[in-house]
N, C-alpha and C. Protein backbone atom coordinates (compact mmCIF):
# COMPACT_ATOMS: atom_id res chain seq x y z
N MET A 1 -49.44 -15.97 41.95
CA MET A 1 -48.73 -16.01 42.58
C MET A 1 -48.36 -14.50 43.76
N LYS A 2 -49.09 -13.56 43.19
CA LYS A 2 -48.73 -12.20 44.23
C LYS A 2 -49.45 -13.30 45.03
N LYS A 3 -51.13 -13.35 44.69
CA LYS A 3 -51.97 -13.57 45.73
C LYS A 3 -51.05 -14.68 46.99
N PHE A 4 -50.28 -15.88 46.17
CA PHE A 4 -50.16 -16.68 47.20
C PHE A 4 -48.98 -15.93 48.14
N ALA A 5 -48.21 -15.03 47.50
CA ALA A 5 -47.08 -14.59 48.53
C ALA A 5 -47.56 -14.08 49.49
N VAL A 6 -48.83 -13.22 49.02
CA VAL A 6 -49.68 -11.67 49.81
C VAL A 6 -50.30 -13.26 51.18
N SER A 7 -50.92 -14.17 50.79
CA SER A 7 -51.52 -15.06 51.50
C SER A 7 -50.78 -15.55 52.72
N LEU A 8 -49.62 -15.86 52.21
CA LEU A 8 -47.91 -16.57 53.00
C LEU A 8 -47.79 -15.53 53.75
N LEU A 9 -47.39 -13.72 53.16
CA LEU A 9 -46.95 -13.23 54.76
C LEU A 9 -47.86 -13.14 55.30
N ALA A 10 -49.76 -12.92 55.10
CA ALA A 10 -50.28 -12.73 55.86
C ALA A 10 -50.67 -14.53 56.97
N ILE A 11 -50.67 -15.07 57.11
CA ILE A 11 -50.38 -16.43 57.34
C ILE A 11 -48.79 -16.46 58.07
N LEU A 12 -48.09 -15.96 57.81
CA LEU A 12 -46.63 -15.86 58.98
C LEU A 12 -46.98 -14.79 60.00
N PHE A 13 -47.12 -13.33 59.41
CA PHE A 13 -47.30 -13.06 60.21
C PHE A 13 -48.49 -13.30 61.24
N THR A 14 -49.11 -13.63 61.14
CA THR A 14 -50.50 -13.69 62.09
C THR A 14 -49.80 -14.85 62.70
N PHE A 15 -49.61 -16.27 62.57
CA PHE A 15 -48.86 -16.79 63.48
C PHE A 15 -47.82 -16.39 64.37
N ASN A 16 -46.74 -15.74 63.81
CA ASN A 16 -45.58 -15.87 64.33
C ASN A 16 -44.87 -14.62 64.04
N LEU A 17 -45.79 -13.42 64.15
CA LEU A 17 -45.55 -12.00 64.65
C LEU A 17 -44.46 -12.09 65.47
N MET A 18 -45.09 -12.47 66.82
CA MET A 18 -44.10 -12.00 67.97
C MET A 18 -43.08 -12.90 68.10
N ALA A 19 -42.94 -14.42 67.29
CA ALA A 19 -41.84 -15.00 67.84
C ALA A 19 -40.98 -15.33 66.82
N GLN A 20 -40.94 -14.66 65.63
CA GLN A 20 -39.89 -14.80 64.42
C GLN A 20 -39.11 -13.83 64.50
N LYS A 21 -38.31 -13.61 63.27
CA LYS A 21 -37.57 -12.29 63.18
C LYS A 21 -37.36 -12.80 61.42
N TYR A 22 -37.89 -11.19 61.31
CA TYR A 22 -37.37 -11.14 59.28
C TYR A 22 -36.98 -10.19 58.88
N ALA A 23 -36.48 -10.01 57.98
CA ALA A 23 -35.47 -9.40 57.13
C ALA A 23 -35.79 -9.25 56.25
N TYR A 24 -34.75 -8.36 55.22
CA TYR A 24 -35.18 -8.34 53.67
C TYR A 24 -33.82 -7.88 53.42
N VAL A 25 -33.32 -8.33 51.78
CA VAL A 25 -32.13 -7.53 51.11
C VAL A 25 -32.76 -7.57 49.40
N ASP A 26 -32.23 -6.13 49.48
CA ASP A 26 -32.32 -6.76 48.41
C ASP A 26 -31.21 -6.65 46.97
N THR A 27 -31.66 -8.09 46.61
CA THR A 27 -30.52 -8.83 45.49
C THR A 27 -29.84 -7.89 44.20
N GLU A 28 -30.50 -6.87 43.85
CA GLU A 28 -30.39 -6.03 42.37
C GLU A 28 -29.39 -5.00 43.30
N TYR A 29 -29.78 -4.99 44.19
CA TYR A 29 -28.65 -3.70 44.96
C TYR A 29 -27.37 -4.27 45.53
N ILE A 30 -27.49 -5.64 46.07
CA ILE A 30 -26.14 -6.06 46.38
C ILE A 30 -25.86 -6.33 44.66
N LEU A 31 -25.91 -6.85 43.91
CA LEU A 31 -25.28 -7.18 42.99
C LEU A 31 -24.58 -5.83 42.42
N SER A 32 -25.25 -5.08 41.79
CA SER A 32 -25.22 -3.41 41.55
C SER A 32 -23.68 -3.20 42.31
N ASN A 33 -23.74 -3.44 43.22
CA ASN A 33 -22.04 -2.97 44.40
C ASN A 33 -21.31 -4.04 44.19
N ILE A 34 -21.44 -4.82 43.81
CA ILE A 34 -20.21 -6.08 43.11
C ILE A 34 -19.33 -5.79 41.62
N PRO A 35 -18.48 -5.53 41.98
CA PRO A 35 -17.35 -4.84 40.64
C PRO A 35 -17.45 -6.49 39.60
N THR A 36 -17.25 -7.59 40.19
CA THR A 36 -16.95 -8.58 39.53
C THR A 36 -18.45 -8.91 38.91
N TYR A 37 -19.42 -8.96 39.56
CA TYR A 37 -20.78 -9.09 38.44
C TYR A 37 -20.88 -7.85 37.41
N GLU A 38 -20.73 -7.21 37.93
CA GLU A 38 -20.25 -5.38 36.72
C GLU A 38 -19.88 -5.93 35.55
N SER A 39 -18.91 -6.71 35.70
CA SER A 39 -17.72 -6.93 34.53
C SER A 39 -17.96 -8.48 33.55
N ALA A 40 -19.07 -8.86 35.40
CA ALA A 40 -19.55 -10.46 34.21
C ALA A 40 -20.96 -10.10 33.08
N GLN A 41 -21.28 -9.09 33.76
CA GLN A 41 -22.49 -8.59 33.03
C GLN A 41 -21.79 -7.81 31.45
N ASP A 42 -21.14 -6.98 32.17
CA ASP A 42 -20.74 -6.78 30.43
C ASP A 42 -19.83 -7.61 29.50
N GLN A 43 -19.79 -8.06 30.40
CA GLN A 43 -18.81 -9.55 29.18
C GLN A 43 -19.54 -10.25 28.65
N LEU A 44 -21.03 -10.48 29.05
CA LEU A 44 -22.36 -10.97 28.56
C LEU A 44 -22.82 -10.21 27.50
N ASP A 45 -23.22 -8.48 28.39
CA ASP A 45 -23.86 -8.04 26.87
C ASP A 45 -22.74 -7.93 25.30
N GLN A 46 -21.52 -8.02 25.75
CA GLN A 46 -21.06 -8.31 24.61
C GLN A 46 -20.63 -9.10 24.13
N LEU A 47 -20.77 -10.22 24.45
CA LEU A 47 -20.94 -11.70 23.09
C LEU A 47 -22.41 -11.71 22.84
N SER A 48 -23.25 -11.13 23.49
CA SER A 48 -24.30 -11.18 23.22
C SER A 48 -24.43 -10.34 21.95
N ILE A 49 -24.18 -9.23 21.83
CA ILE A 49 -24.08 -8.44 20.68
C ILE A 49 -23.48 -8.86 19.37
N GLN A 50 -22.10 -8.82 20.14
CA GLN A 50 -21.16 -9.98 18.99
C GLN A 50 -22.06 -11.00 18.17
N TRP A 51 -23.31 -12.14 18.83
CA TRP A 51 -23.65 -13.47 18.16
C TRP A 51 -24.89 -12.93 17.62
N GLN A 52 -25.55 -11.87 18.05
CA GLN A 52 -26.35 -10.98 17.45
C GLN A 52 -26.22 -10.52 15.86
N LYS A 53 -24.57 -10.30 15.86
CA LYS A 53 -25.06 -9.38 15.17
C LYS A 53 -23.98 -10.41 13.66
N GLU A 54 -23.80 -11.31 14.24
CA GLU A 54 -23.51 -12.99 13.19
C GLU A 54 -25.20 -13.47 12.82
N ILE A 55 -25.93 -13.65 13.78
CA ILE A 55 -27.20 -14.09 13.63
C ILE A 55 -27.72 -13.26 12.05
N GLU A 56 -27.19 -11.64 12.61
CA GLU A 56 -27.74 -10.65 11.32
C GLU A 56 -27.32 -10.86 10.53
N THR A 57 -26.12 -11.06 10.06
CA THR A 57 -25.30 -11.18 9.00
C THR A 57 -25.62 -12.26 7.85
N VAL A 58 -26.18 -13.61 8.59
CA VAL A 58 -26.56 -14.40 8.13
C VAL A 58 -28.09 -14.05 7.30
N TYR A 59 -29.27 -13.71 8.29
CA TYR A 59 -30.34 -13.18 7.51
C TYR A 59 -30.27 -12.10 6.63
N ALA A 60 -29.46 -11.24 6.03
CA ALA A 60 -28.63 -10.29 5.39
C ALA A 60 -28.54 -11.34 4.14
N GLU A 61 -28.45 -12.38 4.42
CA GLU A 61 -27.44 -13.25 3.26
C GLU A 61 -28.49 -13.51 2.69
N ILE A 62 -29.48 -14.58 3.41
CA ILE A 62 -31.06 -15.10 3.29
C ILE A 62 -32.16 -13.81 2.73
N ASP A 63 -32.25 -12.57 2.66
CA ASP A 63 -32.43 -11.74 2.02
C ASP A 63 -32.24 -10.99 0.68
N LYS A 64 -31.07 -11.71 0.70
CA LYS A 64 -30.47 -11.06 -0.68
C LYS A 64 -30.56 -12.21 -1.34
N MET A 65 -30.48 -13.33 -1.17
CA MET A 65 -30.82 -14.40 -1.62
C MET A 65 -32.20 -14.77 -2.33
N TYR A 66 -32.91 -14.06 -1.41
CA TYR A 66 -34.76 -13.92 -1.80
C TYR A 66 -34.92 -13.26 -2.65
N ARG A 67 -34.19 -11.78 -2.18
CA ARG A 67 -34.22 -10.79 -3.49
C ARG A 67 -34.12 -11.05 -5.06
N GLU A 68 -32.62 -11.70 -4.86
CA GLU A 68 -31.98 -12.54 -6.37
C GLU A 68 -33.01 -13.04 -6.91
N PHE A 69 -33.23 -14.25 -6.01
CA PHE A 69 -33.96 -15.30 -6.59
C PHE A 69 -35.32 -14.93 -7.19
N GLN A 70 -36.15 -13.83 -6.59
CA GLN A 70 -37.42 -12.89 -6.85
C GLN A 70 -37.37 -12.39 -8.27
N ALA A 71 -36.05 -11.58 -8.58
CA ALA A 71 -35.49 -10.98 -9.54
C ALA A 71 -35.26 -11.96 -10.85
N GLU A 72 -34.58 -13.08 -10.91
CA GLU A 72 -34.17 -14.12 -11.23
C GLU A 72 -35.25 -15.12 -11.46
N LYS A 73 -36.62 -15.31 -10.79
CA LYS A 73 -37.51 -16.51 -10.57
C LYS A 73 -37.72 -16.50 -12.32
N VAL A 74 -38.83 -15.80 -13.12
CA VAL A 74 -39.32 -16.15 -14.35
C VAL A 74 -37.63 -16.76 -15.56
N LEU A 75 -36.72 -16.30 -15.30
CA LEU A 75 -35.53 -16.57 -16.41
C LEU A 75 -34.89 -17.93 -15.50
N LEU A 76 -35.60 -18.41 -14.40
CA LEU A 76 -34.85 -19.71 -14.07
C LEU A 76 -35.56 -21.31 -14.77
N THR A 77 -35.06 -22.13 -14.69
CA THR A 77 -36.08 -23.32 -15.12
C THR A 77 -36.76 -24.13 -13.56
N GLU A 78 -37.13 -24.99 -14.06
CA GLU A 78 -37.59 -25.85 -13.03
C GLU A 78 -36.87 -26.09 -11.85
N GLU A 79 -35.70 -26.63 -12.30
CA GLU A 79 -34.65 -27.00 -11.46
C GLU A 79 -33.88 -26.43 -11.02
N MET A 80 -33.83 -25.07 -11.32
CA MET A 80 -32.80 -24.22 -10.77
C MET A 80 -33.92 -23.37 -9.98
N ARG A 81 -34.67 -23.13 -10.07
CA ARG A 81 -35.56 -22.76 -9.31
C ARG A 81 -35.85 -22.98 -7.55
N ILE A 82 -36.05 -24.86 -8.03
CA ILE A 82 -36.05 -25.69 -6.90
C ILE A 82 -35.03 -25.61 -6.05
N LYS A 83 -33.99 -25.67 -6.83
CA LYS A 83 -32.42 -25.47 -6.03
C LYS A 83 -32.60 -24.16 -5.50
N ARG A 84 -32.07 -23.40 -5.93
CA ARG A 84 -32.05 -21.67 -5.60
C ARG A 84 -33.57 -21.90 -3.76
N GLU A 85 -34.62 -22.60 -3.55
CA GLU A 85 -35.71 -22.59 -3.16
C GLU A 85 -34.95 -22.92 -1.72
N GLU A 86 -35.10 -24.52 -2.08
CA GLU A 86 -33.78 -25.21 -1.02
C GLU A 86 -32.24 -24.48 -0.54
N ALA A 87 -31.67 -23.45 -1.59
CA ALA A 87 -30.29 -23.12 -0.72
C ALA A 87 -31.27 -22.21 -0.15
N ILE A 88 -32.08 -21.64 -0.40
CA ILE A 88 -32.84 -20.22 0.73
C ILE A 88 -33.12 -21.27 1.95
N ILE A 89 -34.16 -22.20 1.72
CA ILE A 89 -34.63 -22.72 2.95
C ILE A 89 -33.59 -23.47 3.42
N ASN A 90 -32.88 -23.57 3.50
CA ASN A 90 -31.52 -24.47 4.08
C ASN A 90 -30.28 -23.22 5.05
N LYS A 91 -30.82 -22.28 4.16
CA LYS A 91 -29.80 -20.59 5.15
C LYS A 91 -30.48 -20.46 5.84
N GLU A 92 -31.95 -20.26 6.15
CA GLU A 92 -33.27 -19.91 7.01
C GLU A 92 -32.59 -21.36 8.15
N LYS A 93 -32.54 -22.09 7.80
CA LYS A 93 -32.12 -23.36 8.55
C LYS A 93 -31.05 -23.25 9.73
N GLU A 94 -30.33 -23.24 8.78
CA GLU A 94 -28.71 -22.30 9.79
C GLU A 94 -29.14 -21.18 10.64
N ALA A 95 -29.54 -20.27 9.77
CA ALA A 95 -29.95 -19.02 10.96
C ALA A 95 -30.53 -19.75 12.20
N LYS A 96 -31.23 -19.76 11.66
CA LYS A 96 -32.26 -20.67 13.39
C LYS A 96 -31.85 -21.77 14.33
N GLU A 97 -30.65 -22.40 13.82
CA GLU A 97 -29.75 -23.17 14.29
C GLU A 97 -28.74 -22.35 15.51
N LEU A 98 -28.33 -21.51 14.59
CA LEU A 98 -27.15 -20.42 14.85
C LEU A 98 -27.52 -19.86 16.04
N GLN A 99 -29.35 -18.82 16.41
CA GLN A 99 -29.50 -18.69 17.10
C GLN A 99 -30.00 -19.40 18.28
N LYS A 100 -30.27 -20.97 18.10
CA LYS A 100 -30.43 -21.34 19.43
C LYS A 100 -28.63 -22.42 19.79
N LYS A 101 -28.01 -22.33 18.63
CA LYS A 101 -26.99 -22.27 19.55
C LYS A 101 -26.28 -21.50 20.51
N PHE A 102 -26.77 -19.90 19.56
CA PHE A 102 -25.98 -18.57 20.68
C PHE A 102 -27.26 -18.51 22.01
N PHE A 103 -28.02 -18.45 21.10
CA PHE A 103 -29.33 -17.78 22.59
C PHE A 103 -30.52 -18.96 23.22
N GLY A 104 -29.98 -20.37 22.78
CA GLY A 104 -31.12 -21.15 22.85
C GLY A 104 -31.18 -21.61 24.47
N LYS A 105 -32.10 -22.52 24.73
CA LYS A 105 -32.44 -22.94 26.12
C LYS A 105 -30.95 -23.12 26.78
N GLU A 106 -30.21 -23.91 26.33
CA GLU A 106 -29.14 -24.59 26.71
C GLU A 106 -27.61 -23.82 25.59
N GLY A 107 -27.92 -22.57 25.03
CA GLY A 107 -26.92 -22.35 24.45
C GLY A 107 -25.79 -21.52 25.14
N MET A 108 -24.82 -20.86 24.16
CA MET A 108 -23.83 -20.63 24.64
C MET A 108 -23.50 -19.60 25.91
N LEU A 109 -24.94 -18.78 25.54
CA LEU A 109 -25.06 -17.21 26.18
C LEU A 109 -25.74 -18.02 27.72
N PHE A 110 -25.80 -19.10 27.81
CA PHE A 110 -26.68 -19.47 29.02
C PHE A 110 -25.82 -20.29 29.45
N LYS A 111 -24.95 -20.92 29.00
CA LYS A 111 -23.43 -21.58 29.61
C LYS A 111 -22.87 -20.30 30.25
N LYS A 112 -22.79 -19.85 29.30
CA LYS A 112 -21.58 -18.30 29.59
C LYS A 112 -22.00 -17.68 31.04
N ARG A 113 -23.38 -17.38 31.22
CA ARG A 113 -23.93 -17.05 32.21
C ARG A 113 -23.40 -17.55 33.59
N GLN A 114 -23.90 -19.11 33.43
CA GLN A 114 -24.16 -20.07 34.38
C GLN A 114 -22.40 -20.18 34.81
N GLU A 115 -21.29 -19.50 33.83
CA GLU A 115 -20.35 -20.02 34.47
C GLU A 115 -19.84 -18.32 35.00
N LEU A 116 -20.19 -17.36 34.56
CA LEU A 116 -19.54 -16.04 35.01
C LEU A 116 -20.66 -15.46 36.06
N ILE A 117 -21.74 -15.79 36.22
CA ILE A 117 -22.89 -15.10 37.10
C ILE A 117 -22.99 -16.06 38.10
N LYS A 118 -23.61 -17.54 38.07
CA LYS A 118 -23.71 -18.55 39.06
C LYS A 118 -22.94 -18.19 40.03
N PRO A 119 -21.29 -18.69 40.14
CA PRO A 119 -20.94 -18.67 41.59
C PRO A 119 -20.95 -17.22 41.86
N ILE A 120 -21.02 -16.35 41.50
CA ILE A 120 -21.40 -14.77 42.59
C ILE A 120 -22.70 -14.96 42.86
N GLN A 121 -23.63 -15.61 42.43
CA GLN A 121 -24.49 -15.81 42.87
C GLN A 121 -24.80 -16.75 43.95
N ASP A 122 -24.37 -17.56 43.78
CA ASP A 122 -23.97 -18.71 45.13
C ASP A 122 -23.54 -17.74 45.62
N GLU A 123 -22.17 -17.39 45.93
CA GLU A 123 -21.66 -16.59 47.07
C GLU A 123 -22.50 -15.70 47.94
N ILE A 124 -23.47 -14.44 46.94
CA ILE A 124 -23.93 -14.48 47.70
C ILE A 124 -25.65 -15.09 48.64
N PHE A 125 -26.09 -15.97 48.07
CA PHE A 125 -26.91 -16.74 48.81
C PHE A 125 -25.79 -17.11 49.98
N ASN A 126 -24.86 -18.12 49.83
CA ASN A 126 -23.91 -18.83 51.19
C ASN A 126 -24.01 -17.02 52.08
N ALA A 127 -23.51 -16.07 52.09
CA ALA A 127 -23.62 -14.48 52.64
C ALA A 127 -24.81 -14.66 53.44
N ILE A 128 -26.33 -14.79 52.50
CA ILE A 128 -27.32 -14.15 53.12
C ILE A 128 -27.62 -15.50 54.24
N LYS A 129 -27.36 -17.24 53.62
CA LYS A 129 -27.72 -18.12 54.34
C LYS A 129 -26.86 -17.49 55.93
N ALA A 130 -25.87 -17.36 56.00
CA ALA A 130 -24.89 -17.28 57.11
C ALA A 130 -25.33 -16.08 57.84
N LEU A 131 -26.02 -15.19 57.35
CA LEU A 131 -26.77 -13.64 58.06
C LEU A 131 -27.40 -14.36 58.94
N ALA A 132 -28.58 -15.02 58.30
CA ALA A 132 -29.81 -15.81 58.49
C ALA A 132 -29.81 -16.49 59.86
N GLU A 133 -28.66 -17.49 60.16
CA GLU A 133 -28.31 -17.85 60.99
C GLU A 133 -27.27 -17.15 62.15
N GLU A 134 -26.80 -16.21 61.36
CA GLU A 134 -26.22 -15.44 62.88
C GLU A 134 -27.32 -14.81 63.50
N GLY A 135 -28.35 -14.40 62.94
CA GLY A 135 -29.48 -13.22 63.59
C GLY A 135 -30.99 -14.14 63.97
N SER A 136 -30.68 -15.08 63.38
CA SER A 136 -31.56 -15.75 63.72
C SER A 136 -33.03 -15.47 63.31
N TYR A 137 -32.53 -14.79 62.01
CA TYR A 137 -34.06 -15.30 61.03
C TYR A 137 -34.69 -15.77 60.72
N ALA A 138 -35.87 -15.82 60.74
CA ALA A 138 -36.90 -16.85 60.23
C ALA A 138 -36.95 -16.65 58.50
N ILE A 139 -36.57 -15.55 58.23
CA ILE A 139 -37.06 -15.73 56.60
C ILE A 139 -36.59 -14.18 56.51
N ILE A 140 -35.79 -14.38 55.24
CA ILE A 140 -35.18 -12.81 54.85
C ILE A 140 -35.47 -12.92 53.59
N PHE A 141 -36.50 -11.86 52.78
CA PHE A 141 -37.28 -11.20 51.83
C PHE A 141 -35.93 -11.08 51.27
N ASP A 142 -36.69 -11.23 49.72
CA ASP A 142 -35.30 -10.42 48.62
C ASP A 142 -36.28 -9.10 48.14
N THR A 143 -36.62 -7.68 47.94
CA THR A 143 -37.39 -7.12 47.66
C THR A 143 -37.38 -6.96 45.95
N ALA A 144 -36.80 -7.08 45.36
CA ALA A 144 -35.61 -7.55 44.23
C ALA A 144 -36.71 -8.09 43.01
N ALA A 145 -37.03 -9.22 43.72
CA ALA A 145 -37.52 -10.16 42.92
C ALA A 145 -38.95 -9.97 42.87
N SER A 146 -39.82 -10.12 41.55
CA SER A 146 -40.79 -9.60 41.07
C SER A 146 -42.17 -10.68 41.38
N GLY A 147 -41.77 -12.00 42.18
CA GLY A 147 -43.13 -12.45 42.74
C GLY A 147 -43.32 -12.09 43.64
N LEU A 148 -42.74 -11.09 44.79
CA LEU A 148 -42.95 -10.74 45.90
C LEU A 148 -42.98 -9.26 45.73
N SER A 149 -43.55 -8.58 46.40
CA SER A 149 -44.07 -7.01 46.29
C SER A 149 -43.98 -6.58 47.74
N ILE A 150 -43.27 -5.78 47.95
CA ILE A 150 -43.28 -5.19 49.42
C ILE A 150 -43.85 -3.33 49.26
N LEU A 151 -44.80 -3.35 49.90
CA LEU A 151 -45.17 -2.01 49.34
C LEU A 151 -44.45 -1.04 50.37
N PHE A 152 -44.13 -0.79 51.42
CA PHE A 152 -43.61 -0.65 52.36
C PHE A 152 -42.27 -1.52 52.90
N THR A 153 -41.19 -1.14 53.64
CA THR A 153 -40.46 -1.64 54.17
C THR A 153 -39.31 -0.70 55.58
N ASP A 154 -39.34 -1.08 56.34
CA ASP A 154 -38.58 -0.08 57.56
C ASP A 154 -37.12 -0.48 57.25
N PRO A 155 -36.50 0.30 56.71
CA PRO A 155 -34.64 0.32 56.03
C PRO A 155 -33.94 -0.51 57.20
N ARG A 156 -34.74 0.16 58.48
CA ARG A 156 -33.74 -0.82 60.11
C ARG A 156 -33.33 -1.82 59.58
N TYR A 157 -34.25 -2.72 58.56
CA TYR A 157 -33.96 -4.25 58.42
C TYR A 157 -33.69 -5.04 57.61
N ASP A 158 -33.63 -3.72 56.70
CA ASP A 158 -32.66 -4.06 55.19
C ASP A 158 -31.01 -4.40 55.64
N ARG A 159 -30.71 -5.54 55.34
CA ARG A 159 -29.09 -6.32 55.62
C ARG A 159 -28.52 -6.46 54.19
N SER A 160 -29.03 -5.66 53.41
CA SER A 160 -28.15 -5.46 51.87
C SER A 160 -26.76 -5.49 52.31
N ASP A 161 -26.50 -4.33 52.88
CA ASP A 161 -24.84 -3.67 53.35
C ASP A 161 -24.28 -4.78 54.17
N ALA A 162 -24.71 -5.49 55.28
CA ALA A 162 -24.53 -6.38 55.69
C ALA A 162 -24.05 -7.61 54.47
N VAL A 163 -24.90 -8.16 53.41
CA VAL A 163 -24.20 -8.81 52.72
C VAL A 163 -22.91 -8.49 51.79
N LEU A 164 -23.03 -7.37 51.60
CA LEU A 164 -21.99 -7.24 50.95
C LEU A 164 -20.58 -6.84 51.84
N GLN A 165 -20.74 -6.82 53.14
CA GLN A 165 -20.06 -6.54 54.19
C GLN A 165 -19.37 -8.48 53.79
N LYS A 166 -20.08 -9.23 54.36
CA LYS A 166 -19.70 -11.01 54.31
C LYS A 166 -19.25 -11.16 53.21
N LEU A 167 -19.33 -10.64 51.49
CA LEU A 167 -18.76 -10.80 50.64
C LEU A 167 -17.70 -10.15 50.53
N GLY A 168 -17.25 -8.82 51.29
CA GLY A 168 -15.43 -8.86 51.11
C GLY A 168 -15.82 -7.26 50.72
N TYR A 169 -16.69 -6.34 50.42
CA TYR A 169 -17.45 -5.14 49.75
C TYR A 169 -18.09 -4.30 50.84
N LYS A 170 -17.47 -3.00 50.32
CA LYS A 170 -17.64 -1.60 50.68
C LYS A 170 -18.70 -0.88 49.64
N ASN A 171 -19.81 -0.79 50.73
CA ASN A 171 -21.05 0.78 50.43
C ASN A 171 -19.87 2.00 49.72
C-alpha cells in the first residue's frame, strides 16, 4: 500500500507539479480540537468498559462452573456430568454471543460509533471538500492516515485550522 501511495505521489508530482495546488490536513488534530468528538469518544470508551465488564462477569461464572465441575467430576453420574458439561458449553456460547453483540462487526459499539462519530466525520469531510473547491486544490492529503506517510511538510500548506474554522471551532 505504501509503495502504491509513493508511486501515486511521484506520478502526481511529475506530471502536475506546476499546474495543481496541493494541501494537507491532519484529521487527528482536527478531531482533537472538536469538543463534541472528545465527548463522543469518552462516551464510547465508557460503554466499552461497561460492556467489557459484563463479558468478564460471564467468563468468571464459566470459570467458577468449570472449577466446581472439576472438583465434583468424580462424584457425578454420567448423566449429571454430561448436563454440567453442556451447561458450561452453553455458558461459553452465551459469552461469545455477548461479545459479538457488543463488539462484533455490526455490534452495539459499531452502531453507537456510527451514531456519534460519523456525523462529525461527515461534517469534516464536507468542510474539507468546500475548502478544496474554494482554494482550487487538486488534492488535500491527510497526514493522520496510516496508508500515506509524509516525511516533510511545509506548514504553510497545512489547512487543518481552516477546516476547524469552517466547522465553527477555534484553536
